[in-house]
Protein backbone atom coordinates (compact mmCIF):
# COMPACT_ATOMS: atom_id res chain seq x y z
CA MET A 1 -18.00 147.68 111.61
CA THR A 2 -15.21 148.58 110.55
CA PRO A 3 -14.05 147.13 106.55
CA ALA A 4 -10.89 144.12 106.99
CA VAL A 5 -8.05 145.36 105.05
CA LYS A 6 -6.20 142.96 102.87
CA PRO A 7 -2.52 142.32 103.44
CA VAL A 8 -0.31 144.05 100.46
CA PRO A 9 0.61 141.31 98.15
CA GLY A 10 4.40 140.56 98.17
CA GLY A 11 6.60 138.55 95.13
CA ASP A 12 9.56 138.89 93.37
CA GLN A 13 9.96 142.38 91.24
CA ASN A 14 11.03 140.30 88.11
CA ASP A 15 7.86 138.52 88.24
CA GLN A 16 6.02 141.53 88.74
CA SER A 17 7.37 142.83 85.46
CA GLU A 18 6.75 139.94 83.88
CA SER A 19 3.21 140.16 84.45
CA LEU A 20 2.87 143.96 83.72
CA ASN A 21 4.59 143.19 80.26
CA GLN A 22 2.03 140.31 79.78
CA THR A 23 -0.71 142.35 80.91
CA LEU A 24 -0.01 144.92 77.92
CA LYS A 25 0.30 142.26 75.58
CA ARG A 26 -2.82 141.12 76.13
CA LEU A 27 -4.30 144.13 76.29
CA LEU A 28 -2.96 145.45 73.71
CA PHE A 29 -4.22 142.39 71.60
CA TYR A 30 -7.35 144.38 71.61
CA LEU A 31 -6.06 146.50 69.35
CA THR A 32 -4.21 144.99 67.28
CA ARG A 33 -7.72 143.31 66.21
CA TYR A 34 -8.19 146.44 64.26
CA ARG A 35 -5.10 145.53 61.77
CA PHE A 36 -5.94 147.79 58.80
CA ARG A 37 -7.15 150.28 60.24
CA LEU A 38 -4.46 150.52 63.17
CA ALA A 39 -1.71 149.97 60.04
CA LEU A 40 -3.11 152.75 58.45
CA ALA A 41 -2.95 155.46 61.33
CA ILE A 42 0.45 154.44 62.29
CA ILE A 43 1.55 155.24 58.61
CA PHE A 44 -0.36 158.40 59.47
CA MET A 45 1.80 158.85 62.59
CA ILE A 46 4.80 158.47 60.07
CA GLY A 47 3.52 160.88 57.81
CA PHE A 48 2.91 162.98 60.73
CA SER A 49 6.49 162.25 62.37
CA VAL A 50 8.90 162.85 58.78
CA THR A 51 6.79 166.12 58.89
CA MET A 52 7.34 167.03 62.23
CA GLY A 53 11.09 166.68 61.44
CA ILE A 54 11.23 168.24 58.17
CA LEU A 55 10.53 171.82 61.00
CA PRO A 56 13.96 171.57 62.13
CA ALA A 57 15.69 170.51 58.96
CA LEU A 58 13.98 173.48 57.23
CA MET A 59 15.22 175.70 60.54
CA GLY A 60 18.99 174.53 60.18
CA TYR A 61 18.98 175.35 56.20
CA ALA A 62 16.87 178.59 56.99
CA THR A 63 19.79 179.67 59.54
CA ASN A 64 22.82 178.99 56.88
CA ILE A 65 20.89 181.08 54.37
CA ILE A 66 21.16 184.06 57.02
CA ALA A 67 24.50 183.15 58.27
CA GLY A 68 25.65 184.09 54.35
CA HIS A 69 25.26 180.89 52.86
CA GLY A 70 22.11 181.98 50.19
CA SER A 71 19.69 184.35 49.21
CA LEU A 72 16.29 185.75 49.57
CA GLN A 73 14.61 184.07 47.32
CA ASP A 74 16.05 180.64 49.06
CA LEU A 75 14.22 182.16 52.32
CA LYS A 76 11.07 182.52 50.56
CA GLN A 77 11.07 179.46 48.87
CA VAL A 78 12.12 177.99 52.49
CA LEU A 79 8.96 179.64 54.50
CA ILE A 80 6.69 178.64 51.52
CA TYR A 81 8.32 174.89 52.40
CA PHE A 82 7.55 175.58 56.09
CA ILE A 83 3.17 176.20 55.14
CA ILE A 84 3.11 173.10 52.68
CA ASP A 85 4.98 170.91 55.92
CA GLY A 86 2.70 172.26 58.40
CA VAL A 87 -0.67 171.62 56.37
CA ALA A 88 0.75 168.05 55.71
CA LEU A 89 1.34 168.12 59.85
CA TRP A 90 -1.92 168.83 60.99
CA ILE A 91 -3.69 166.46 58.49
CA CYS A 92 -1.42 163.32 59.11
CA GLY A 93 -2.01 164.31 63.36
CA HIS A 94 -5.18 165.01 62.75
CA LEU A 95 -6.46 161.79 60.63
CA ALA A 96 -4.18 159.72 63.05
CA GLN A 97 -5.80 160.69 66.24
CA ARG A 98 -9.43 160.06 64.35
CA LEU A 99 -8.79 156.73 63.68
CA LEU A 100 -7.18 155.95 66.58
CA SER A 101 -10.19 157.31 68.54
CA LYS A 102 -12.80 154.96 67.08
CA ILE A 103 -10.01 151.86 67.33
CA SER A 104 -10.11 152.65 70.49
CA GLN A 105 -13.60 152.68 72.03
CA GLN A 106 -14.21 149.55 69.71
CA ALA A 107 -11.13 147.81 71.63
CA LEU A 108 -13.14 148.78 75.06
CA TYR A 109 -16.39 148.37 73.35
CA THR A 110 -14.91 144.91 72.93
CA LEU A 111 -13.40 144.41 76.53
CA ARG A 112 -16.00 144.88 77.91
CA THR A 113 -18.48 142.78 76.59
CA ASP A 114 -16.21 140.14 76.71
CA LEU A 115 -15.88 140.89 80.26
CA PHE A 116 -19.69 141.51 81.20
CA ASN A 117 -20.16 138.30 78.80
CA HIS A 118 -17.97 135.90 80.57
CA MET A 119 -19.54 136.57 83.97
CA GLN A 120 -23.19 136.06 82.35
CA ALA A 121 -21.30 132.15 81.30
CA LEU A 122 -19.46 131.62 84.90
CA SER A 123 -21.18 129.22 87.22
CA LEU A 124 -22.93 130.43 90.14
CA SER A 125 -20.13 129.11 92.68
CA PHE A 126 -18.35 132.09 91.42
CA PHE A 127 -20.86 134.67 92.27
CA ASP A 128 -21.04 133.18 95.93
CA ARG A 129 -17.13 133.83 96.46
CA GLN A 130 -17.08 137.57 95.02
CA PRO A 131 -18.42 140.33 96.60
CA ILE A 132 -21.02 141.85 94.30
CA GLY A 133 -19.25 145.40 94.97
CA GLU A 134 -16.27 143.85 93.69
CA LEU A 135 -17.48 142.83 90.54
CA MET A 136 -18.59 146.26 89.76
CA SER A 137 -15.44 147.33 90.58
CA ARG A 138 -14.20 145.14 87.44
CA VAL A 139 -16.97 146.66 85.30
CA SER A 140 -16.55 150.12 86.02
CA ASN A 141 -13.85 151.25 88.11
CA ASP A 142 -11.07 149.01 86.55
CA THR A 143 -12.17 149.76 83.02
CA ASP A 144 -12.57 153.38 83.24
CA VAL A 145 -8.62 153.27 84.04
CA ILE A 146 -8.69 151.03 81.04
CA ASP A 147 -10.58 153.68 79.23
CA GLN A 148 -8.13 156.62 79.77
CA PHE A 149 -5.74 154.95 78.42
CA PHE A 150 -6.86 153.21 75.45
CA SER A 151 -8.54 157.09 74.56
CA ASN A 152 -5.37 159.30 75.71
CA GLY A 153 -2.53 157.36 76.47
CA ILE A 154 -2.43 154.64 73.92
CA GLN A 155 -2.39 157.54 70.76
CA GLN A 156 0.21 159.88 72.96
CA VAL A 157 2.70 156.83 73.32
CA LEU A 158 2.00 154.96 69.59
CA GLN A 159 2.71 158.97 68.10
CA SER A 160 5.52 159.36 70.63
CA VAL A 161 7.08 155.81 69.87
CA THR A 162 6.92 156.57 66.17
CA THR A 163 7.83 160.27 66.08
CA ILE A 164 10.89 159.14 67.87
CA ILE A 165 12.28 156.49 65.36
CA VAL A 166 11.63 158.56 62.83
CA LEU A 167 13.66 161.80 63.85
CA THR A 168 16.39 159.09 65.26
CA ILE A 169 17.28 158.42 61.66
CA VAL A 170 16.74 161.82 60.10
CA MET A 171 19.38 162.81 63.33
CA LEU A 172 21.92 159.46 62.42
CA TRP A 173 21.43 160.46 58.84
CA ILE A 174 22.07 164.45 59.30
CA ASN A 175 25.65 163.54 62.34
CA PRO A 176 25.69 159.99 64.04
CA VAL A 177 27.97 161.61 66.42
CA LEU A 178 25.71 164.45 67.92
CA THR A 179 22.65 161.71 67.92
CA LEU A 180 24.79 159.79 70.46
CA LEU A 181 25.04 162.95 72.54
CA VAL A 182 21.43 162.87 72.22
CA TYR A 183 20.61 159.02 73.40
CA LEU A 184 22.95 159.39 76.94
CA ALA A 185 20.20 161.54 77.64
CA VAL A 186 17.56 159.27 76.33
CA LEU A 187 19.40 156.11 78.09
CA GLY A 188 18.96 158.01 81.42
CA MET A 189 15.50 158.19 80.78
CA LEU A 190 14.83 154.86 79.83
CA ALA A 191 16.56 153.54 83.54
CA ILE A 192 14.83 156.31 85.30
CA SER A 193 11.62 154.86 83.73
CA SER A 194 12.26 151.06 84.38
CA THR A 195 12.98 151.69 88.02
CA ILE A 196 9.59 153.68 88.88
CA ALA A 197 8.09 150.89 86.43
CA ARG A 198 9.29 148.23 89.33
CA ILE A 199 8.27 150.35 92.42
CA SER A 200 5.00 152.16 91.25
CA GLY A 201 3.51 148.65 89.36
CA PRO A 202 2.59 147.06 92.53
CA ALA A 203 1.16 149.79 94.28
CA PHE A 204 -1.22 150.61 91.38
CA GLU A 205 -2.71 147.34 91.17
CA ARG A 206 -3.06 147.82 95.64
CA MET A 207 -4.79 150.75 94.45
CA GLN A 208 -6.70 148.94 92.19
CA GLU A 209 -7.75 146.14 95.05
CA LEU A 210 -8.06 148.41 97.40
CA LEU A 211 -10.85 150.42 94.89
CA GLY A 212 -12.89 147.00 94.51
CA GLU A 213 -13.03 146.70 98.77
CA LEU A 214 -13.92 150.20 98.85
CA ASN A 215 -16.88 149.75 96.26
CA GLY A 216 -17.98 146.62 97.76
CA TYR A 217 -18.40 147.89 101.10
CA ALA A 218 -20.44 151.13 99.58
CA GLU A 219 -22.90 148.88 97.87
CA GLU A 220 -23.33 146.49 100.69
CA ARG A 221 -24.22 149.78 102.98
CA LEU A 222 -26.07 151.21 100.74
CA ALA A 223 -28.14 148.46 100.08
CA GLY A 224 -28.43 147.51 103.81
CA GLN A 225 -29.69 151.55 104.65
CA LYS A 226 -32.53 149.83 106.23
CA VAL A 227 -30.82 147.82 108.77
CA THR A 228 -27.77 150.60 109.18
CA ILE A 229 -30.67 152.96 110.52
CA ALA A 230 -32.61 150.76 112.75
CA TYR A 231 -29.38 149.74 114.41
CA ASN A 232 -28.31 153.23 114.79
CA GLN A 233 -25.29 152.46 112.91
CA GLN A 234 -24.33 155.46 111.11
CA ASN A 235 -21.52 156.69 112.65
CA GLY A 236 -19.90 153.38 112.58
CA THR A 237 -20.74 152.86 108.67
CA THR A 238 -19.13 156.18 108.04
CA VAL A 239 -15.88 155.29 110.45
CA GLY A 240 -15.81 152.48 108.21
CA PHE A 241 -15.68 153.89 104.87
CA SER A 242 -13.61 156.95 105.89
CA LYS A 243 -10.75 154.27 106.97
CA LEU A 244 -11.01 152.22 103.95
CA SER A 245 -11.39 155.27 102.04
CA GLY A 246 -7.95 157.08 103.98
CA ILE A 247 -6.26 153.63 102.82
CA VAL A 248 -7.13 154.49 99.25
CA ALA A 249 -6.01 157.88 99.21
CA ARG A 250 -2.97 156.89 100.86
CA THR A 251 -1.76 154.24 98.53
CA GLY A 252 -3.54 156.06 95.16
CA GLY A 253 -1.01 158.90 96.31
CA ARG A 254 2.10 156.61 97.15
CA ALA A 255 1.62 155.12 93.49
CA GLN A 256 1.21 159.02 92.23
CA PHE A 257 3.85 160.35 93.85
CA VAL A 258 6.42 157.90 92.16
CA ALA A 259 4.74 157.99 88.75
CA LEU A 260 4.92 161.64 88.54
CA THR A 261 8.33 161.90 89.53
CA SER A 262 9.04 160.77 85.72
CA MET A 263 8.00 164.23 85.01
CA PRO A 264 10.65 166.27 86.28
CA ALA A 265 13.19 163.90 85.80
CA ALA A 266 12.50 163.72 82.30
CA THR A 267 12.66 167.50 82.39
CA ILE A 268 15.93 167.22 83.60
CA MET A 269 17.22 164.71 81.55
CA SER A 270 15.95 166.65 78.74
CA ASN A 271 17.76 169.58 79.72
CA LEU A 272 21.21 168.00 80.25
CA GLN A 273 20.64 166.59 76.37
CA MET A 274 20.67 170.21 75.44
CA ILE A 275 23.86 171.05 77.28
CA LEU A 276 25.57 169.08 75.76
CA LEU A 277 24.35 169.58 72.53
CA LEU A 278 25.37 173.30 72.94
CA ILE A 279 28.21 172.18 74.14
CA ILE A 280 29.99 169.58 72.08
CA GLY A 281 28.01 171.21 69.15
CA GLY A 282 29.06 174.94 69.30
CA ALA A 283 32.98 173.30 69.84
CA MET A 284 32.30 171.42 66.68
CA VAL A 285 31.14 174.55 64.86
CA MET A 286 33.95 176.89 65.70
CA GLU A 287 36.24 174.26 64.76
CA GLY A 288 34.78 174.09 61.11
CA HIS A 289 33.50 169.99 61.42
CA ILE A 290 29.76 171.10 60.92
CA GLN A 291 27.67 174.38 60.10
CA LEU A 292 26.15 176.64 62.33
CA GLY A 293 22.64 175.68 60.23
CA GLU A 294 23.41 171.94 61.48
CA LEU A 295 23.68 172.80 65.44
CA VAL A 296 20.31 174.66 65.24
CA ALA A 297 18.41 172.01 63.38
CA PHE A 298 19.50 169.75 65.75
CA LEU A 299 18.50 171.69 68.68
CA GLY A 300 14.80 171.42 67.26
CA LEU A 301 15.27 167.48 66.51
CA SER A 302 16.55 166.92 69.69
CA SER A 303 13.54 168.99 71.19
CA SER A 304 11.23 167.48 69.19
CA ILE A 305 13.19 164.06 70.28
CA SER A 306 12.56 164.87 74.06
CA SER A 307 8.48 166.03 73.69
CA PRO A 308 7.85 162.43 72.72
CA LEU A 309 9.92 160.87 75.86
CA SER A 310 8.36 163.71 78.06
CA GLN A 311 4.62 162.28 76.81
CA ILE A 312 5.72 159.18 77.49
CA PHE A 313 6.59 160.19 80.82
CA SER A 314 3.36 161.94 81.35
CA VAL A 315 1.17 158.78 80.57
CA TYR A 316 2.85 156.59 82.50
CA SER A 317 1.02 156.44 85.22
CA GLN A 318 -2.31 156.10 83.30
CA ILE A 319 -0.16 153.02 81.90
CA ILE A 320 0.58 151.21 84.94
CA SER A 321 -3.03 151.65 86.77
CA ALA A 322 -4.66 150.48 82.79
CA ALA A 323 -2.37 147.37 83.51
CA ALA A 324 -3.19 147.04 87.29
CA GLY A 325 -6.82 147.61 86.09
CA ALA A 326 -6.84 145.34 83.02
CA ALA A 327 -4.77 142.32 85.65
CA ARG A 328 -7.94 142.33 87.70
CA VAL A 329 -10.64 142.17 84.88
CA PHE A 330 -8.13 139.38 83.22
CA ARG A 331 -8.11 137.34 86.15
CA ILE A 332 -12.14 137.01 85.64
CA LEU A 333 -11.92 136.62 82.22
CA ASP A 334 -9.33 133.83 82.88
CA GLU A 335 -12.18 132.18 85.19
CA GLN A 336 -13.85 128.40 83.94
CA PRO A 337 -17.02 127.63 84.68
CA VAL A 338 -17.16 124.85 86.87
CA VAL A 339 -20.19 123.48 85.42
CA ALA A 340 -19.91 123.10 81.96
CA ASP A 341 -21.36 121.51 79.74
CA LEU A 342 -19.87 118.02 78.04
CA PRO A 343 -18.63 118.34 74.40
CA VAL A 344 -21.05 116.51 73.50
CA ALA A 345 -23.62 117.41 75.35
CA LYS A 346 -27.37 117.25 73.61
CA PRO A 347 -30.13 119.63 74.27
CA MET A 348 -32.78 118.50 76.85
CA PRO A 349 -35.97 116.73 75.41
CA PRO A 350 -38.84 118.26 76.50
CA VAL A 351 -39.43 116.94 79.99
CA ASP A 352 -42.57 114.93 81.48
CA GLY A 353 -41.46 115.22 85.06
CA ASP A 354 -40.37 112.29 86.04
CA VAL A 355 -37.45 113.27 88.18
CA LYS A 356 -35.18 110.53 90.17
CA PHE A 357 -32.35 110.66 92.96
CA ASP A 358 -30.05 108.31 93.08
CA ALA A 359 -27.78 108.01 96.13
CA VAL A 360 -27.30 111.79 95.05
CA ASP A 361 -23.62 113.27 97.51
CA PHE A 362 -23.24 116.79 97.53
CA ALA A 363 -20.37 119.15 98.55
CA TYR A 364 -19.93 123.22 97.85
CA ILE A 365 -16.48 122.76 99.10
CA PRO A 366 -14.58 119.43 98.29
CA GLY A 367 -14.47 117.47 101.85
CA ARG A 368 -17.35 119.29 103.73
CA THR A 369 -20.43 117.25 102.54
CA VAL A 370 -23.44 118.17 102.14
CA LEU A 371 -26.12 115.76 101.02
CA LYS A 372 -25.53 112.66 102.13
CA ASN A 373 -27.11 109.25 100.08
CA ASN A 374 -30.22 111.55 98.92
CA THR A 375 -32.15 108.98 96.67
CA PHE A 376 -36.02 109.41 95.86
CA ARG A 377 -38.28 109.89 92.82
CA ALA A 378 -40.86 112.47 92.14
CA LEU A 379 -43.37 110.73 89.03
CA PRO A 380 -44.64 113.41 86.17
CA GLY A 381 -47.22 116.27 88.64
CA GLN A 382 -46.45 115.14 91.60
CA VAL A 383 -46.30 117.70 94.06
CA PHE A 384 -43.12 117.11 96.32
CA GLY A 385 -42.51 119.44 100.23
CA LEU A 386 -39.39 119.88 101.12
CA CYS A 387 -39.16 120.79 104.91
CA GLY A 388 -36.53 120.34 107.54
CA PRO A 389 -34.27 122.38 109.72
CA THR A 390 -32.22 125.57 108.54
CA GLY A 391 -29.15 124.54 106.98
CA ALA A 392 -30.93 120.81 106.57
CA GLY A 393 -30.08 120.78 102.50
CA LYS A 394 -33.45 121.73 101.19
CA SER A 395 -32.40 124.53 98.95
CA THR A 396 -29.34 122.37 97.98
CA ILE A 397 -31.53 119.60 96.40
CA ILE A 398 -32.90 122.42 94.26
CA ASN A 399 -29.35 124.00 93.65
CA ILE A 400 -28.76 120.07 92.21
CA LEU A 401 -31.90 119.61 90.27
CA THR A 402 -31.59 122.32 88.78
CA ARG A 403 -27.86 122.08 87.91
CA TYR A 404 -26.38 124.98 89.67
CA TYR A 405 -23.99 122.82 90.62
CA ASP A 406 -22.12 119.18 89.41
CA ILE A 407 -23.06 116.57 92.56
CA GLN A 408 -20.23 114.68 93.85
CA SER A 409 -21.43 111.16 93.49
CA GLY A 410 -24.55 109.81 92.47
CA SER A 411 -26.76 110.48 89.60
CA ILE A 412 -29.68 112.87 88.73
CA THR A 413 -32.37 112.27 86.11
CA ILE A 414 -34.92 113.43 84.64
CA ASP A 415 -37.59 111.59 82.22
CA GLY A 416 -34.31 108.60 82.53
CA VAL A 417 -32.00 111.29 80.88
CA ARG A 418 -28.76 112.12 83.19
CA ILE A 419 -29.00 116.29 83.81
CA ASP A 420 -25.01 115.99 83.44
CA GLU A 421 -25.30 114.82 79.97
CA VAL A 422 -27.78 117.63 78.35
CA GLY A 423 -27.11 121.25 77.78
CA GLN A 424 -27.42 123.64 80.97
CA ASP A 425 -29.55 125.96 78.55
CA SER A 426 -32.00 123.57 77.57
CA LEU A 427 -32.73 122.08 81.20
CA ARG A 428 -33.49 124.82 83.20
CA ILE A 429 -35.48 126.51 80.07
CA GLN A 430 -38.00 124.12 81.24
CA ILE A 431 -37.66 124.42 85.28
CA ALA A 432 -39.32 127.63 87.07
CA GLN A 433 -38.81 129.16 90.16
CA VAL A 434 -40.36 131.02 92.49
CA LEU A 435 -38.18 132.68 94.95
CA GLN A 436 -38.29 133.65 99.06
CA GLU A 437 -37.12 136.52 97.65
CA PRO A 438 -38.82 138.26 94.91
CA PHE A 439 -36.86 140.06 91.86
CA LEU A 440 -37.99 142.28 89.33
CA PHE A 441 -35.78 144.77 87.16
CA SER A 442 -36.58 148.18 86.62
CA GLY A 443 -38.61 148.41 83.62
CA THR A 444 -42.10 148.28 82.76
CA ILE A 445 -44.37 145.07 84.07
CA LEU A 446 -44.71 143.55 80.85
CA GLU A 447 -40.96 143.44 80.22
CA ASN A 448 -40.85 141.64 83.30
CA LEU A 449 -42.96 139.42 82.57
CA ARG A 450 -41.21 138.55 79.46
CA TYR A 451 -38.22 138.45 80.78
CA ALA A 452 -39.61 134.36 80.98
CA ARG A 453 -39.78 133.72 76.97
CA GLY A 454 -38.73 137.09 75.18
CA ASP A 455 -41.49 135.59 72.56
CA ALA A 456 -44.16 135.49 74.46
CA THR A 457 -47.11 137.54 73.09
CA ASP A 458 -49.12 140.42 75.30
CA GLU A 459 -51.78 138.50 75.66
CA GLU A 460 -49.76 135.70 76.77
CA CYS A 461 -48.63 137.61 79.30
CA ILE A 462 -51.82 138.86 80.16
CA ALA A 463 -53.43 135.75 80.82
CA ALA A 464 -50.79 134.84 82.80
CA ALA A 465 -51.14 137.84 85.10
CA LYS A 466 -54.51 137.17 85.42
CA GLN A 467 -54.00 133.05 86.36
CA ALA A 468 -51.75 134.06 88.78
CA GLY A 469 -54.20 137.23 90.41
CA ALA A 470 -52.09 139.70 89.45
CA TYR A 471 -54.44 141.55 86.60
CA GLU A 472 -56.43 143.59 88.69
CA PHE A 473 -53.54 145.29 91.29
CA ILE A 474 -51.74 145.74 87.73
CA MET A 475 -54.51 147.58 86.13
CA ALA A 476 -55.05 149.62 89.07
CA GLN A 477 -51.59 151.13 88.65
CA PRO A 478 -51.19 154.51 86.85
CA GLU A 479 -50.18 153.15 83.17
CA GLY A 480 -51.43 149.26 84.21
CA PHE A 481 -49.14 146.62 82.30
CA ASP A 482 -46.62 149.60 80.81
CA THR A 483 -46.38 151.05 84.48
CA PHE A 484 -42.65 150.99 84.89
CA LEU A 485 -41.42 149.84 88.04
CA ASN A 486 -37.95 151.07 89.94
CA ASP A 487 -34.78 148.72 90.54
CA GLY A 488 -35.96 145.36 92.16
CA GLY A 489 -39.48 146.63 91.78
CA SER A 490 -39.64 148.93 94.77
CA ASN A 491 -42.37 150.58 94.34
CA LEU A 492 -45.10 147.52 94.77
CA SER A 493 -45.74 145.75 98.09
CA GLN A 494 -43.76 142.49 98.27
CA GLY A 495 -46.78 140.44 97.87
CA GLN A 496 -47.54 141.97 94.39
CA ARG A 497 -43.94 141.74 93.55
CA GLN A 498 -44.22 138.16 94.38
CA MET A 499 -47.72 137.60 92.12
CA LEU A 500 -45.87 138.75 89.33
CA THR A 501 -42.55 136.44 89.95
CA ILE A 502 -45.75 134.05 89.35
CA ALA A 503 -47.28 135.18 86.82
CA ARG A 504 -43.64 135.33 84.91
CA ALA A 505 -43.03 131.60 85.80
CA MET A 506 -46.75 130.92 83.96
CA VAL A 507 -45.20 132.78 81.21
CA SER A 508 -41.98 130.57 81.10
CA GLN A 509 -44.67 127.45 79.99
CA PRO A 510 -42.58 125.40 82.52
CA ARG A 511 -42.44 121.53 82.71
CA LEU A 512 -41.14 121.56 85.77
CA LEU A 513 -41.59 123.81 88.72
CA ILE A 514 -39.75 124.73 92.32
CA LEU A 515 -41.36 126.73 95.09
CA ASP A 516 -38.72 127.92 97.31
CA GLU A 517 -41.15 129.54 100.19
CA ALA A 518 -42.33 131.50 98.12
CA THR A 519 -45.17 133.01 100.52
CA SER A 520 -43.05 133.27 103.94
CA ASN A 521 -42.95 137.06 103.47
CA VAL A 522 -45.98 137.84 103.02
CA ASP A 523 -49.16 138.23 105.61
CA THR A 524 -51.80 135.83 105.38
CA ARG A 525 -53.99 137.34 103.43
CA THR A 526 -51.56 138.22 100.80
CA GLU A 527 -50.70 134.06 101.34
CA LYS A 528 -53.89 133.29 100.25
CA LEU A 529 -53.97 135.00 96.74
CA ILE A 530 -51.01 134.16 95.81
CA GLN A 531 -51.26 130.31 96.97
CA SER A 532 -54.50 130.51 94.65
CA GLY A 533 -52.13 131.91 91.79
CA LEU A 534 -49.20 128.72 92.92
CA LEU A 535 -52.18 126.19 92.24
CA SER A 536 -52.99 127.07 89.12
CA LEU A 537 -49.35 126.76 87.80
CA GLN A 538 -48.56 123.40 89.43
CA GLN A 539 -51.22 121.81 87.40
CA GLY A 540 -49.83 118.96 85.76
CA LYS A 541 -46.39 120.07 86.48
CA THR A 542 -43.66 117.99 88.64
CA SER A 543 -43.69 120.49 91.29
CA PHE A 544 -41.21 120.91 94.17
CA ILE A 545 -42.48 123.09 97.23
CA ILE A 546 -39.60 123.98 99.85
CA ALA A 547 -41.07 125.12 102.72
CA HIS A 548 -40.93 126.82 106.52
CA ARG A 549 -44.33 126.89 107.53
CA LEU A 550 -45.56 123.25 107.37
CA SER A 551 -48.84 123.96 106.45
CA THR A 552 -48.17 125.04 102.73
CA ILE A 553 -47.09 121.61 101.62
CA ARG A 554 -49.58 119.57 103.88
CA LYS A 555 -51.51 117.94 100.35
CA SER A 556 -48.15 117.31 98.78
CA ASP A 557 -48.44 113.62 97.15
CA CYS A 558 -44.74 113.06 99.29
CA ILE A 559 -43.09 115.26 101.95
CA LEU A 560 -39.24 114.84 101.83
CA VAL A 561 -38.16 115.43 105.46
CA ILE A 562 -34.53 116.08 105.66
CA ASN A 563 -31.72 116.66 108.70
CA GLN A 564 -28.47 117.46 107.94
CA GLY A 565 -28.34 116.66 104.32
CA GLU A 566 -29.75 112.94 104.97
CA ILE A 567 -33.62 112.29 104.12
CA VAL A 568 -34.64 111.13 107.37
CA GLU A 569 -38.41 110.69 106.44
CA ARG A 570 -40.56 110.37 103.50
CA GLY A 571 -44.45 109.95 103.06
CA THR A 572 -47.84 111.96 103.26
CA HIS A 573 -48.65 114.09 105.48
CA ASP A 574 -50.75 111.78 107.64
CA ASP A 575 -48.07 109.13 107.53
CA LEU A 576 -45.60 111.41 108.78
CA MET A 577 -48.21 112.96 111.17
CA GLY A 578 -49.14 109.03 112.24
CA ALA A 579 -45.40 108.23 112.47
CA GLN A 580 -44.64 111.09 115.38
CA GLY A 581 -40.97 111.27 114.44
CA PHE A 582 -39.23 114.17 113.04
CA TYR A 583 -41.66 115.62 111.10
CA TYR A 584 -44.33 115.48 114.05
CA ASN A 585 -42.15 117.09 116.37
CA LEU A 586 -41.61 120.15 113.97
CA TYR A 587 -45.29 120.35 112.87
CA MET A 588 -46.17 120.41 116.69
CA SER A 589 -43.74 122.65 117.22
CA GLN A 590 -45.30 125.44 114.76
CA PHE A 591 -48.75 124.59 115.66
CA ARG A 592 -48.08 124.86 119.34
CA GLY A 593 -46.99 128.13 118.37
CA LYS A 594 -49.52 129.93 116.49
CA LEU A 595 -51.93 128.21 119.10
CA SER A 596 -50.26 130.31 121.68
CA SER A 597 -50.00 133.44 119.73
CA ILE A 598 -53.41 133.21 119.44
CA THR A 599 -54.10 132.46 123.16
CA GLY A 600 -51.72 134.03 124.94
CA VAL A 601 -49.93 130.97 126.84
CA ALA A 602 -46.92 129.01 125.72
């Protein structure tokens, strides 16, 4: 299966140029936050540029002395000035670079932190439509190219711009006519850079987008490596990756080729500038309009101004690439949470567990209703079972109860308080969830248990592990509760991971409990152990159990039977079996399937 590649986005070049400028301004804002240190760095840069401009002037002065306009003592004096100027040049350059380096790293830290923190604040719907690999590309690839710009490019650009301004002032002071000659070449360089920007800018942005797709493809395939091997799709996966990687390489090659043409162009214009100065300046010396030293000084100054221009061109591709990466980062920073607290939202009071759905309608995509007119009430301490075919809307009911998504109409209240009128955090902190796929973080077992409540003591975590039936297998690990778990808890069995998630839920001391097919992926023996822990967790709490195995919800106070987003039946197990309706058919189909697997008779 080869990856699909999105078409290259079009657009007007003026719009793209304006967008590029806006992105760079926004990116540079992260540097201008540190105004005092940046101003100090610029002062040292000006000092560096002034001392660099003095060197050609001293060369011109020395030339005039050698040409017969001075003495040996004057030459010695010039040598002293050279030494003093060289020391000042090194000090100013070192201090400017050191300050800018610190500012750049601080700016990058702020940008990365803003990006990650903002992603944490976004609603679940954002992650539903963004592949994890693509998001990882934003956090890694895109911030890496910005890092290169901040760490190297911005220093070279600022120093070069400062040098050009200072040296231009010095040249105008010495001879305006020769300065005009120098800037004929400079204007040629600017025209070339403008053309290159219009062509290479979109190419670099496309390359960053393709890198995100490549990263997403690799992340998905590596995560599903077991399936790849099981279906013998290694070759297909390799071909798909190679195809996408080749597209990235070709796009990057085109972008780099266009951007790198700036260096040869800068060299040609620099040489042209030097030729013009030698011919016209030489004629002016021969006619007595200027002294030879003046021309020598100008040749040195023009060379000094060509060098920073060349540096700007040399980092041009870096600037365009950083702008492309920044544009992708800013698109995430501009995302707004779909589920947001009201300005007057109050904290959710401690919950007793009286949950009420009143005529609730919900759609993930407007116009495609998933839940229709759902109405029910769960009293404190009751256990509600949710069952129905795959895709009926069971998990969706849980998603809107925890307010991962906002409903279209109706109301959801807990203890008479509308959940859309309280802070999301204060609501969710009182709800514990045990999901079908247990997820653990890399770290110790104790750290994973404490993840539910940061201020939980070691004793509380150990007590929760005992209550969940996890204590014995934890103590059998090499370092007990300090045993380090790999990413996802891969060094534990499925059942052990699930028992830890139950213990983690206990540590959170929840008021409401949600069990989303918590035992569907484990064997019967492990299920009994987990069920024991779940019963302990459910005590005194309003609980919602999503069940595929209907045997797990037989003892529920009420079972909601959901089909195509509607509650089609409700009642106890005995009531529903007696009605011989939708639930009865579901239960009997499972029972017959289990019986046939034992007897061998279909």
